[in-house]
Amino acid sequence: MVTEERLTLALTLLASSDEESAELKVNAMRKEYLVDLKRKQLFLTSEGNIEARKAKAETSREVQDSITNYLDATVEFEKLKAKRTTEALIVEVWRTQSANQRQGVL
């Protein structure tokens, strides 16, 4: 059973994390863009045929660091997203419980 106290906690987290969620999502998107930008920069400045230039760009420390930053940002966003999803489910369980109580099922 979801208590009123637990419901309040869920609603508080949902209400207070909207902006943070948006910021984390945009940060992950920004980091993804930077990975692509870094790949393209290194590709353009590398020498050799197309495949060699792609390989140099992909294996560079700069691109690898950009990918790590992107993945870290994505993890942070996904953690909050999962937490928000859990809290939304708690609200839905409470709503179902309340409806059942009104109907005399619980």
PDB file of N, CA and C in Angstrom:
ATOM      1  N   MET A   1       0.837  -1.187   0.000  1.00  0.00           N
ATOM      2  CA  MET A   1       0.000   0.000   0.000  1.00  0.00           C
ATOM      3  C   MET A   1       0.879   1.247   0.000  1.00  0.00           C
ATOM      4  N   VAL A   2       0.504   2.172  -0.835  1.00  0.00           N
ATOM      5  CA  VAL A   2       1.207   3.451  -0.900  1.00  0.00           C
ATOM      6  C   VAL A   2       0.527   4.412   0.072  1.00  0.00           C
ATOM      7  N   THR A   3       1.311   4.913   1.006  1.00  0.00           N
ATOM      8  CA  THR A   3       0.765   5.826   2.010  1.00  0.00           C
ATOM      9  C   THR A   3       0.705   7.254   1.468  1.00  0.00           C
ATOM     10  N   GLU A   4      -0.052   8.085   2.177  1.00  0.00           N
ATOM     11  CA  GLU A   4      -0.132   9.506   1.807  1.00  0.00           C
ATOM     12  C   GLU A   4       1.260  10.153   1.887  1.00  0.00           C
ATOM     13  N   GLU A   5       2.021   9.734   2.883  1.00  0.00           N
ATOM     14  CA  GLU A   5       3.377  10.278   3.045  1.00  0.00           C
ATOM     15  C   GLU A   5       4.247   9.927   1.841  1.00  0.00           C
ATOM     16  N   ARG A   6       4.163   8.670   1.400  1.00  0.00           N
ATOM     17  CA  ARG A   6       4.960   8.232   0.234  1.00  0.00           C
ATOM     18  C   ARG A   6       4.486   8.945  -1.022  1.00  0.00           C
ATOM     19  N   LEU A   7       3.198   9.145  -1.149  1.00  0.00           N
ATOM     20  CA  LEU A   7       2.650   9.885  -2.282  1.00  0.00           C
ATOM     21  C   LEU A   7       3.202  11.303  -2.305  1.00  0.00           C
ATOM     22  N   THR A   8       3.228  11.934  -1.142  1.00  0.00           N
ATOM     23  CA  THR A   8       3.747  13.300  -1.045  1.00  0.00           C
ATOM     24  C   THR A   8       5.213  13.352  -1.473  1.00  0.00           C
ATOM     25  N   LEU A   9       5.992  12.364  -1.034  1.00  0.00           N
ATOM     26  CA  LEU A   9       7.396  12.307  -1.448  1.00  0.00           C
ATOM     27  C   LEU A   9       7.528  12.162  -2.965  1.00  0.00           C
ATOM     28  N   ALA A  10       6.700  11.303  -3.542  1.00  0.00           N
ATOM     29  CA  ALA A  10       6.746  11.084  -4.997  1.00  0.00           C
ATOM     30  C   ALA A  10       6.383  12.359  -5.748  1.00  0.00           C
ATOM     31  N   LEU A  11       5.312  13.003  -5.325  1.00  0.00           N
ATOM     32  CA  LEU A  11       4.885  14.230  -5.991  1.00  0.00           C
ATOM     33  C   LEU A  11       5.907  15.348  -5.825  1.00  0.00           C
ATOM     34  N   THR A  12       6.531  15.415  -4.666  1.00  0.00           N
ATOM     35  CA  THR A  12       7.554  16.433  -4.420  1.00  0.00           C
ATOM     36  C   THR A  12       8.749  16.226  -5.335  1.00  0.00           C
ATOM     37  N   LEU A  13       9.203  14.980  -5.448  1.00  0.00           N
ATOM     38  CA  LEU A  13      10.333  14.704  -6.333  1.00  0.00           C
ATOM     39  C   LEU A  13       9.976  15.037  -7.767  1.00  0.00           C
ATOM     40  N   LEU A  14       8.800  14.648  -8.207  1.00  0.00           N
ATOM     41  CA  LEU A  14       8.393  14.942  -9.581  1.00  0.00           C
ATOM     42  C   LEU A  14       8.333  16.446  -9.830  1.00  0.00           C
ATOM     43  N   ALA A  15       7.747  17.159  -8.900  1.00  0.00           N
ATOM     44  CA  ALA A  15       7.599  18.605  -9.070  1.00  0.00           C
ATOM     45  C   ALA A  15       8.933  19.341  -9.006  1.00  0.00           C
ATOM     46  N   SER A  16       9.841  18.844  -8.205  1.00  0.00           N
ATOM     47  CA  SER A  16      11.103  19.562  -8.002  1.00  0.00           C
ATOM     48  C   SER A  16      12.203  19.165  -8.981  1.00  0.00           C
ATOM     49  N   SER A  17      11.985  18.157  -9.789  1.00  0.00           N
ATOM     50  CA  SER A  17      13.064  17.687 -10.664  1.00  0.00           C
ATOM     51  C   SER A  17      12.804  17.949 -12.146  1.00  0.00           C
ATOM     52  N   ASP A  18      11.751  18.671 -12.475  1.00  0.00           N
ATOM     53  CA  ASP A  18      11.463  18.961 -13.880  1.00  0.00           C
ATOM     54  C   ASP A  18      12.627  19.683 -14.557  1.00  0.00           C
ATOM     55  N   GLU A  19      13.064  20.754 -13.956  1.00  0.00           N
ATOM     56  CA  GLU A  19      14.127  21.567 -14.555  1.00  0.00           C
ATOM     57  C   GLU A  19      15.439  20.790 -14.619  1.00  0.00           C
ATOM     58  N   GLU A  20      15.760  20.089 -13.556  1.00  0.00           N
ATOM     59  CA  GLU A  20      16.998  19.306 -13.538  1.00  0.00           C
ATOM     60  C   GLU A  20      16.976  18.241 -14.633  1.00  0.00           C
ATOM     61  N   SER A  21      15.826  17.599 -14.804  1.00  0.00           N
ATOM     62  CA  SER A  21      15.692  16.581 -15.842  1.00  0.00           C
ATOM     63  C   SER A  21      15.933  17.177 -17.224  1.00  0.00           C
ATOM     64  N   ALA A  22      15.333  18.322 -17.474  1.00  0.00           N
ATOM     65  CA  ALA A  22      15.520  18.981 -18.763  1.00  0.00           C
ATOM     66  C   ALA A  22      16.983  19.374 -18.967  1.00  0.00           C
ATOM     67  N   GLU A  23      17.607  19.905 -17.931  1.00  0.00           N
ATOM     68  CA  GLU A  23      19.007  20.314 -18.038  1.00  0.00           C
ATOM     69  C   GLU A  23      19.925  19.121 -18.295  1.00  0.00           C
ATOM     70  N   LEU A  24      19.668  18.017 -17.617  1.00  0.00           N
ATOM     71  CA  LEU A  24      20.494  16.825 -17.832  1.00  0.00           C
ATOM     72  C   LEU A  24      20.310  16.270 -19.241  1.00  0.00           C
ATOM     73  N   LYS A  25      19.082  16.311 -19.741  1.00  0.00           N
ATOM     74  CA  LYS A  25      18.829  15.825 -21.101  1.00  0.00           C
ATOM     75  C   LYS A  25      19.555  16.694 -22.119  1.00  0.00           C
ATOM     76  N   VAL A  26      19.443  17.998 -21.973  1.00  0.00           N
ATOM     77  CA  VAL A  26      20.114  18.906 -22.905  1.00  0.00           C
ATOM     78  C   VAL A  26      21.631  18.766 -22.796  1.00  0.00           C
ATOM     79  N   ASN A  27      22.131  18.572 -21.598  1.00  0.00           N
ATOM     80  CA  ASN A  27      23.573  18.379 -21.420  1.00  0.00           C
ATOM     81  C   ASN A  27      24.044  17.131 -22.168  1.00  0.00           C
ATOM     82  N   ALA A  28      23.280  16.049 -22.069  1.00  0.00           N
ATOM     83  CA  ALA A  28      23.640  14.824 -22.790  1.00  0.00           C
ATOM     84  C   ALA A  28      23.593  15.062 -24.298  1.00  0.00           C
ATOM     85  N   MET A  29      22.589  15.782 -24.755  1.00  0.00           N
ATOM     86  CA  MET A  29      22.492  16.087 -26.182  1.00  0.00           C
ATOM     87  C   MET A  29      23.670  16.947 -26.633  1.00  0.00           C
ATOM     88  N   ARG A  30      24.055  17.904 -25.812  1.00  0.00           N
ATOM     89  CA  ARG A  30      25.190  18.770 -26.123  1.00  0.00           C
ATOM     90  C   ARG A  30      26.475  17.950 -26.224  1.00  0.00           C
ATOM     91  N   LYS A  31      26.654  17.026 -25.289  1.00  0.00           N
ATOM     92  CA  LYS A  31      27.863  16.194 -25.296  1.00  0.00           C
ATOM     93  C   LYS A  31      27.879  15.287 -26.526  1.00  0.00           C
ATOM     94  N   GLU A  32      26.714  14.800 -26.933  1.00  0.00           N
ATOM     95  CA  GLU A  32      26.635  13.975 -28.135  1.00  0.00           C
ATOM     96  C   GLU A  32      27.049  14.797 -29.364  1.00  0.00           C
ATOM     97  N   TYR A  33      26.569  16.017 -29.422  1.00  0.00           N
ATOM     98  CA  TYR A  33      26.946  16.916 -30.521  1.00  0.00           C
ATOM     99  C   TYR A  33      28.456  17.157 -30.531  1.00  0.00           C
ATOM    100  N   LEU A  34      29.035  17.341 -29.353  1.00  0.00           N
ATOM    101  CA  LEU A  34      30.473  17.594 -29.269  1.00  0.00           C
ATOM    102  C   LEU A  34      31.297  16.387 -29.727  1.00  0.00           C
ATOM    103  N   VAL A  35      30.795  15.177 -29.476  1.00  0.00           N
ATOM    104  CA  VAL A  35      31.471  13.974 -29.974  1.00  0.00           C
ATOM    105  C   VAL A  35      31.501  14.017 -31.500  1.00  0.00           C
ATOM    106  N   ASP A  36      30.364  14.302 -32.100  1.00  0.00           N
ATOM    107  CA  ASP A  36      30.268  14.357 -33.550  1.00  0.00           C
ATOM    108  C   ASP A  36      31.166  15.463 -34.108  1.00  0.00           C
ATOM    109  N   LEU A  37      31.146  16.604 -33.470  1.00  0.00           N
ATOM    110  CA  LEU A  37      31.969  17.727 -33.905  1.00  0.00           C
ATOM    111  C   LEU A  37      33.462  17.384 -33.830  1.00  0.00           C
ATOM    112  N   LYS A  38      33.871  16.771 -32.738  1.00  0.00           N
ATOM    113  CA  LYS A  38      35.276  16.395 -32.565  1.00  0.00           C
ATOM    114  C   LYS A  38      35.693  15.378 -33.624  1.00  0.00           C
ATOM    115  N   ARG A  39      34.826  14.396 -33.919  1.00  0.00           N
ATOM    116  CA  ARG A  39      35.128  13.418 -34.970  1.00  0.00           C
ATOM    117  C   ARG A  39      35.355  14.122 -36.308  1.00  0.00           C
ATOM    118  N   LYS A  40      34.461  15.033 -36.631  1.00  0.00           N
ATOM    119  CA  LYS A  40      34.551  15.733 -37.915  1.00  0.00           C
ATOM    120  C   LYS A  40      35.795  16.603 -37.989  1.00  0.00           C
ATOM    121  N   GLN A  41      36.119  17.280 -36.891  1.00  0.00           N
ATOM    122  CA  GLN A  41      37.325  18.124 -36.876  1.00  0.00           C
ATOM    123  C   GLN A  41      38.573  17.280 -37.116  1.00  0.00           C
ATOM    124  N   LEU A  42      38.652  16.168 -36.421  1.00  0.00           N
ATOM    125  CA  LEU A  42      39.833  15.317 -36.561  1.00  0.00           C
ATOM    126  C   LEU A  42      39.889  14.656 -37.935  1.00  0.00           C
ATOM    127  N   PHE A  43      38.746  14.296 -38.461  1.00  0.00           N
ATOM    128  CA  PHE A  43      38.695  13.721 -39.807  1.00  0.00           C
ATOM    129  C   PHE A  43      39.237  14.721 -40.824  1.00  0.00           C
ATOM    130  N   LEU A  44      38.790  15.967 -40.708  1.00  0.00           N
ATOM    131  CA  LEU A  44      39.205  16.997 -41.664  1.00  0.00           C
ATOM    132  C   LEU A  44      40.689  17.343 -41.572  1.00  0.00           C
ATOM    133  N   THR A  45      41.258  17.217 -40.400  1.00  0.00           N
ATOM    134  CA  THR A  45      42.666  17.592 -40.231  1.00  0.00           C
ATOM    135  C   THR A  45      43.624  16.410 -40.383  1.00  0.00           C
ATOM    136  N   SER A  46      43.074  15.213 -40.547  1.00  0.00           N
ATOM    137  CA  SER A  46      43.922  14.028 -40.703  1.00  0.00           C
ATOM    138  C   SER A  46      44.367  13.864 -42.156  1.00  0.00           C
ATOM    139  N   GLU A  47      45.410  13.085 -42.327  1.00  0.00           N
ATOM    140  CA  GLU A  47      45.943  12.796 -43.658  1.00  0.00           C
ATOM    141  C   GLU A  47      45.641  11.347 -44.002  1.00  0.00           C
ATOM    142  N   GLY A  48      45.575  11.041 -45.276  1.00  0.00           N
ATOM    143  CA  GLY A  48      45.370   9.671 -45.726  1.00  0.00           C
ATOM    144  C   GLY A  48      44.036   9.517 -46.437  1.00  0.00           C
ATOM    145  N   ASN A  49      43.741   8.252 -46.767  1.00  0.00           N
ATOM    146  CA  ASN A  49      42.469   8.004 -47.444  1.00  0.00           C
ATOM    147  C   ASN A  49      41.312   8.114 -46.441  1.00  0.00           C
ATOM    148  N   ILE A  50      40.106   7.993 -46.929  1.00  0.00           N
ATOM    149  CA  ILE A  50      38.918   8.204 -46.085  1.00  0.00           C
ATOM    150  C   ILE A  50      38.896   7.260 -44.883  1.00  0.00           C
ATOM    151  N   GLU A  51      39.148   5.996 -45.121  1.00  0.00           N
ATOM    152  CA  GLU A  51      39.101   5.021 -44.022  1.00  0.00           C
ATOM    153  C   GLU A  51      40.177   5.289 -42.987  1.00  0.00           C
ATOM    154  N   ALA A  52      41.355   5.671 -43.439  1.00  0.00           N
ATOM    155  CA  ALA A  52      42.442   5.990 -42.497  1.00  0.00           C
ATOM    156  C   ALA A  52      42.092   7.226 -41.681  1.00  0.00           C
ATOM    157  N   ARG A  53      41.490   8.217 -42.295  1.00  0.00           N
ATOM    158  CA  ARG A  53      41.104   9.428 -41.589  1.00  0.00           C
ATOM    159  C   ARG A  53      40.003   9.134 -40.570  1.00  0.00           C
ATOM    160  N   LYS A  54      39.053   8.282 -40.953  1.00  0.00           N
ATOM    161  CA  LYS A  54      37.989   7.885 -40.012  1.00  0.00           C
ATOM    162  C   LYS A  54      38.594   7.156 -38.817  1.00  0.00           C
ATOM    163  N   ALA A  55      39.509   6.236 -39.103  1.00  0.00           N
ATOM    164  CA  ALA A  55      40.137   5.455 -38.030  1.00  0.00           C
ATOM    165  C   ALA A  55      40.932   6.349 -37.086  1.00  0.00           C
ATOM    166  N   LYS A  56      41.656   7.310 -37.631  1.00  0.00           N
ATOM    167  CA  LYS A  56      42.425   8.228 -36.798  1.00  0.00           C
ATOM    168  C   LYS A  56      41.502   9.048 -35.895  1.00  0.00           C
ATOM    169  N   ALA A  57      40.404   9.497 -36.475  1.00  0.00           N
ATOM    170  CA  ALA A  57      39.456  10.292 -35.685  1.00  0.00           C
ATOM    171  C   ALA A  57      38.828   9.442 -34.581  1.00  0.00           C
ATOM    172  N   GLU A  58      38.385   8.245 -34.920  1.00  0.00           N
ATOM    173  CA  GLU A  58      37.708   7.376 -33.946  1.00  0.00           C
ATOM    174  C   GLU A  58      38.616   6.930 -32.813  1.00  0.00           C
ATOM    175  N   THR A  59      39.870   6.736 -33.113  1.00  0.00           N
ATOM    176  CA  THR A  59      40.786   6.208 -32.099  1.00  0.00           C
ATOM    177  C   THR A  59      41.541   7.297 -31.350  1.00  0.00           C
ATOM    178  N   SER A  60      41.265   8.537 -31.669  1.00  0.00           N
ATOM    179  CA  SER A  60      41.979   9.628 -30.994  1.00  0.00           C
ATOM    180  C   SER A  60      41.538   9.746 -29.536  1.00  0.00           C
ATOM    181  N   ARG A  61      42.440  10.203 -28.711  1.00  0.00           N
ATOM    182  CA  ARG A  61      42.154  10.420 -27.280  1.00  0.00           C
ATOM    183  C   ARG A  61      41.043  11.450 -27.114  1.00  0.00           C
ATOM    184  N   GLU A  62      41.043  12.484 -27.957  1.00  0.00           N
ATOM    185  CA  GLU A  62      40.035  13.543 -27.858  1.00  0.00           C
ATOM    186  C   GLU A  62      38.624  13.001 -28.080  1.00  0.00           C
ATOM    187  N   VAL A  63      38.469  12.171 -29.108  1.00  0.00           N
ATOM    188  CA  VAL A  63      37.147  11.587 -29.382  1.00  0.00           C
ATOM    189  C   VAL A  63      36.773  10.617 -28.267  1.00  0.00           C
ATOM    190  N   GLN A  64      37.706   9.816 -27.816  1.00  0.00           N
ATOM    191  CA  GLN A  64      37.411   8.870 -26.732  1.00  0.00           C
ATOM    192  C   GLN A  64      36.988   9.607 -25.465  1.00  0.00           C
ATOM    193  N   ASP A  65      37.657  10.708 -25.156  1.00  0.00           N
ATOM    194  CA  ASP A  65      37.270  11.510 -23.995  1.00  0.00           C
ATOM    195  C   ASP A  65      35.887  12.127 -24.182  1.00  0.00           C
ATOM    196  N   SER A  66      35.604  12.587 -25.393  1.00  0.00           N
ATOM    197  CA  SER A  66      34.281  13.156 -25.684  1.00  0.00           C
ATOM    198  C   SER A  66      33.187  12.105 -25.525  1.00  0.00           C
ATOM    199  N   ILE A  67      33.485  10.888 -25.978  1.00  0.00           N
ATOM    200  CA  ILE A  67      32.507   9.796 -25.839  1.00  0.00           C
ATOM    201  C   ILE A  67      32.272   9.488 -24.362  1.00  0.00           C
ATOM    202  N   THR A  68      33.344   9.452 -23.581  1.00  0.00           N
ATOM    203  CA  THR A  68      33.209   9.205 -22.144  1.00  0.00           C
ATOM    204  C   THR A  68      32.358  10.286 -21.490  1.00  0.00           C
ATOM    205  N   ASN A  69      32.601  11.543 -21.840  1.00  0.00           N
ATOM    206  CA  ASN A  69      31.803  12.647 -21.294  1.00  0.00           C
ATOM    207  C   ASN A  69      30.338  12.518 -21.685  1.00  0.00           C
ATOM    208  N   TYR A  70      30.100  12.136 -22.920  1.00  0.00           N
ATOM    209  CA  TYR A  70      28.723  11.943 -23.389  1.00  0.00           C
ATOM    210  C   TYR A  70      28.040  10.809 -22.613  1.00  0.00           C
ATOM    211  N   LEU A  71      28.735   9.709 -22.459  1.00  0.00           N
ATOM    212  CA  LEU A  71      28.144   8.579 -21.738  1.00  0.00           C
ATOM    213  C   LEU A  71      27.883   8.918 -20.271  1.00  0.00           C
ATOM    214  N   ASP A  72      28.802   9.637 -19.653  1.00  0.00           N
ATOM    215  CA  ASP A  72      28.597  10.060 -18.262  1.00  0.00           C
ATOM    216  C   ASP A  72      27.364  10.955 -18.138  1.00  0.00           C
ATOM    217  N   ALA A  73      27.209  11.882 -19.073  1.00  0.00           N
ATOM    218  CA  ALA A  73      26.044  12.779 -19.051  1.00  0.00           C
ATOM    219  C   ALA A  73      24.758  11.992 -19.286  1.00  0.00           C
ATOM    220  N   THR A  74      24.822  11.007 -20.170  1.00  0.00           N
ATOM    221  CA  THR A  74      23.649  10.182 -20.452  1.00  0.00           C
ATOM    222  C   THR A  74      23.256   9.358 -19.225  1.00  0.00           C
ATOM    223  N   VAL A  75      24.238   8.830 -18.519  1.00  0.00           N
ATOM    224  CA  VAL A  75      23.963   8.053 -17.302  1.00  0.00           C
ATOM    225  C   VAL A  75      23.254   8.927 -16.268  1.00  0.00           C
ATOM    226  N   GLU A  76      23.744  10.137 -16.077  1.00  0.00           N
ATOM    227  CA  GLU A  76      23.117  11.044 -15.103  1.00  0.00           C
ATOM    228  C   GLU A  76      21.668  11.340 -15.482  1.00  0.00           C
ATOM    229  N   PHE A  77      21.425  11.585 -16.755  1.00  0.00           N
ATOM    230  CA  PHE A  77      20.062  11.838 -17.205  1.00  0.00           C
ATOM    231  C   PHE A  77      19.187  10.599 -17.007  1.00  0.00           C
ATOM    232  N   GLU A  78      19.685   9.442 -17.387  1.00  0.00           N
ATOM    233  CA  GLU A  78      18.899   8.208 -17.292  1.00  0.00           C
ATOM    234  C   GLU A  78      18.595   7.835 -15.840  1.00  0.00           C
ATOM    235  N   LYS A  79      19.513   8.134 -14.927  1.00  0.00           N
ATOM    236  CA  LYS A  79      19.248   7.861 -13.502  1.00  0.00           C
ATOM    237  C   LYS A  79      18.057   8.680 -13.016  1.00  0.00           C
ATOM    238  N   LEU A  80      18.067   9.960 -13.329  1.00  0.00           N
ATOM    239  CA  LEU A  80      16.959  10.811 -12.892  1.00  0.00           C
ATOM    240  C   LEU A  80      15.667  10.427 -13.607  1.00  0.00           C
ATOM    241  N   LYS A  81      15.779  10.085 -14.870  1.00  0.00           N
ATOM    242  CA  LYS A  81      14.605   9.659 -15.635  1.00  0.00           C
ATOM    243  C   LYS A  81      13.980   8.412 -15.009  1.00  0.00           C
ATOM    244  N   ALA A  82      14.815   7.460 -14.621  1.00  0.00           N
ATOM    245  CA  ALA A  82      14.325   6.230 -13.989  1.00  0.00           C
ATOM    246  C   ALA A  82      13.675   6.535 -12.640  1.00  0.00           C
ATOM    247  N   LYS A  83      14.296   7.423 -11.880  1.00  0.00           N
ATOM    248  CA  LYS A  83      13.738   7.800 -10.583  1.00  0.00           C
ATOM    249  C   LYS A  83      12.377   8.470 -10.768  1.00  0.00           C
ATOM    250  N   ARG A  84      12.279   9.344 -11.761  1.00  0.00           N
ATOM    251  CA  ARG A  84      11.009  10.021 -12.034  1.00  0.00           C
ATOM    252  C   ARG A  84       9.940   9.020 -12.490  1.00  0.00           C
ATOM    253  N   THR A  85      10.349   8.043 -13.275  1.00  0.00           N
ATOM    254  CA  THR A  85       9.411   7.009 -13.723  1.00  0.00           C
ATOM    255  C   THR A  85       8.901   6.207 -12.539  1.00  0.00           C
ATOM    256  N   THR A  86       9.788   5.860 -11.626  1.00  0.00           N
ATOM    257  CA  THR A  86       9.394   5.122 -10.426  1.00  0.00           C
ATOM    258  C   THR A  86       8.399   5.922  -9.600  1.00  0.00           C
ATOM    259  N   GLU A  87       8.688   7.202  -9.420  1.00  0.00           N
ATOM    260  CA  GLU A  87       7.795   8.052  -8.632  1.00  0.00           C
ATOM    261  C   GLU A  87       6.434   8.202  -9.315  1.00  0.00           C
ATOM    262  N   ALA A  88       6.430   8.291 -10.629  1.00  0.00           N
ATOM    263  CA  ALA A  88       5.163   8.378 -11.364  1.00  0.00           C
ATOM    264  C   ALA A  88       4.360   7.086 -11.191  1.00  0.00           C
ATOM    265  N   LEU A  89       5.041   5.950 -11.152  1.00  0.00           N
ATOM    266  CA  LEU A  89       4.353   4.675 -10.919  1.00  0.00           C
ATOM    267  C   LEU A  89       3.760   4.609  -9.514  1.00  0.00           C
ATOM    268  N   ILE A  90       4.465   5.163  -8.560  1.00  0.00           N
ATOM    269  CA  ILE A  90       3.942   5.202  -7.188  1.00  0.00           C
ATOM    270  C   ILE A  90       2.665   6.029  -7.143  1.00  0.00           C
ATOM    271  N   VAL A  91       2.643   7.136  -7.857  1.00  0.00           N
ATOM    272  CA  VAL A  91       1.431   7.965  -7.926  1.00  0.00           C
ATOM    273  C   VAL A  91       0.295   7.164  -8.559  1.00  0.00           C
ATOM    274  N   GLU A  92       0.588   6.433  -9.620  1.00  0.00           N
ATOM    275  CA  GLU A  92      -0.448   5.628 -10.288  1.00  0.00           C
ATOM    276  C   GLU A  92      -0.972   4.525  -9.375  1.00  0.00           C
ATOM    277  N   VAL A  93      -0.080   3.888  -8.621  1.00  0.00           N
ATOM    278  CA  VAL A  93      -0.523   2.854  -7.671  1.00  0.00           C
ATOM    279  C   VAL A  93      -1.433   3.478  -6.625  1.00  0.00           C
ATOM    280  N   TRP A  94      -1.063   4.645  -6.122  1.00  0.00           N
ATOM    281  CA  TRP A  94      -1.895   5.329  -5.131  1.00  0.00           C
ATOM    282  C   TRP A  94      -3.269   5.658  -5.726  1.00  0.00           C
ATOM    283  N   ARG A  95      -3.290   6.107  -6.971  1.00  0.00           N
ATOM    284  CA  ARG A  95      -4.573   6.431  -7.619  1.00  0.00           C
ATOM    285  C   ARG A  95      -5.450   5.179  -7.730  1.00  0.00           C
ATOM    286  N   THR A  96      -4.826   4.072  -8.101  1.00  0.00           N
ATOM    287  CA  THR A  96      -5.581   2.819  -8.213  1.00  0.00           C
ATOM    288  C   THR A  96      -6.106   2.400  -6.852  1.00  0.00           C
ATOM    289  N   GLN A  97      -5.263   2.482  -5.831  1.00  0.00           N
ATOM    290  CA  GLN A  97      -5.690   2.153  -4.474  1.00  0.00           C
ATOM    291  C   GLN A  97      -6.869   3.026  -4.044  1.00  0.00           C
ATOM    292  N   SER A  98      -6.769   4.312  -4.307  1.00  0.00           N
ATOM    293  CA  SER A  98      -7.822   5.230  -3.921  1.00  0.00           C
ATOM    294  C   SER A  98      -9.128   4.915  -4.630  1.00  0.00           C
ATOM    295  N   ALA A  99      -9.034   4.598  -5.913  1.00  0.00           N
ATOM    296  CA  ALA A  99     -10.242   4.239  -6.667  1.00  0.00           C
ATOM    297  C   ALA A  99     -10.861   2.956  -6.107  1.00  0.00           C
ATOM    298  N   ASN A 100     -10.017   2.000  -5.788  1.00  0.00           N
ATOM    299  CA  ASN A 100     -10.509   0.742  -5.221  1.00  0.00           C
ATOM    300  C   ASN A 100     -11.152   0.967  -3.846  1.00  0.00           C
ATOM    301  N   GLN A 101     -10.578   1.839  -3.054  1.00  0.00           N
ATOM    302  CA  GLN A 101     -11.141   2.134  -1.745  1.00  0.00           C
ATOM    303  C   GLN A 101     -12.514   2.800  -1.882  1.00  0.00           C
ATOM    304  N   ARG A 102     -12.645   3.711  -2.853  1.00  0.00           N
ATOM    305  CA  ARG A 102     -13.933   4.370  -3.072  1.00  0.00           C
ATOM    306  C   ARG A 102     -14.995   3.364  -3.507  1.00  0.00           C
ATOM    307  N   GLN A 103     -14.570   2.333  -4.225  1.00  0.00           N
ATOM    308  CA  GLN A 103     -15.500   1.318  -4.681  1.00  0.00           C
ATOM    309  C   GLN A 103     -15.688   0.197  -3.662  1.00  0.00           C
ATOM    310  N   GLY A 104     -14.970   0.282  -2.569  1.00  0.00           N
ATOM    311  CA  GLY A 104     -15.091  -0.708  -1.514  1.00  0.00           C
ATOM    312  C   GLY A 104     -14.341  -2.002  -1.763  1.00  0.00           C
ATOM    313  N   VAL A 105     -13.436  -2.002  -2.720  1.00  0.00           N
ATOM    314  CA  VAL A 105     -12.673  -3.202  -3.034  1.00  0.00           C
ATOM    315  C   VAL A 105     -11.583  -3.439  -1.996  1.00  0.00           C
ATOM    316  N   LEU A 106     -10.966  -2.362  -1.487  1.00  0.00           N
ATOM    317  CA  LEU A 106      -9.907  -2.496  -0.479  1.00  0.00           C
ATOM    318  C   LEU A 106     -10.424  -2.140   0.888  1.00  0.00           C
TER     319      LEU A 106
END
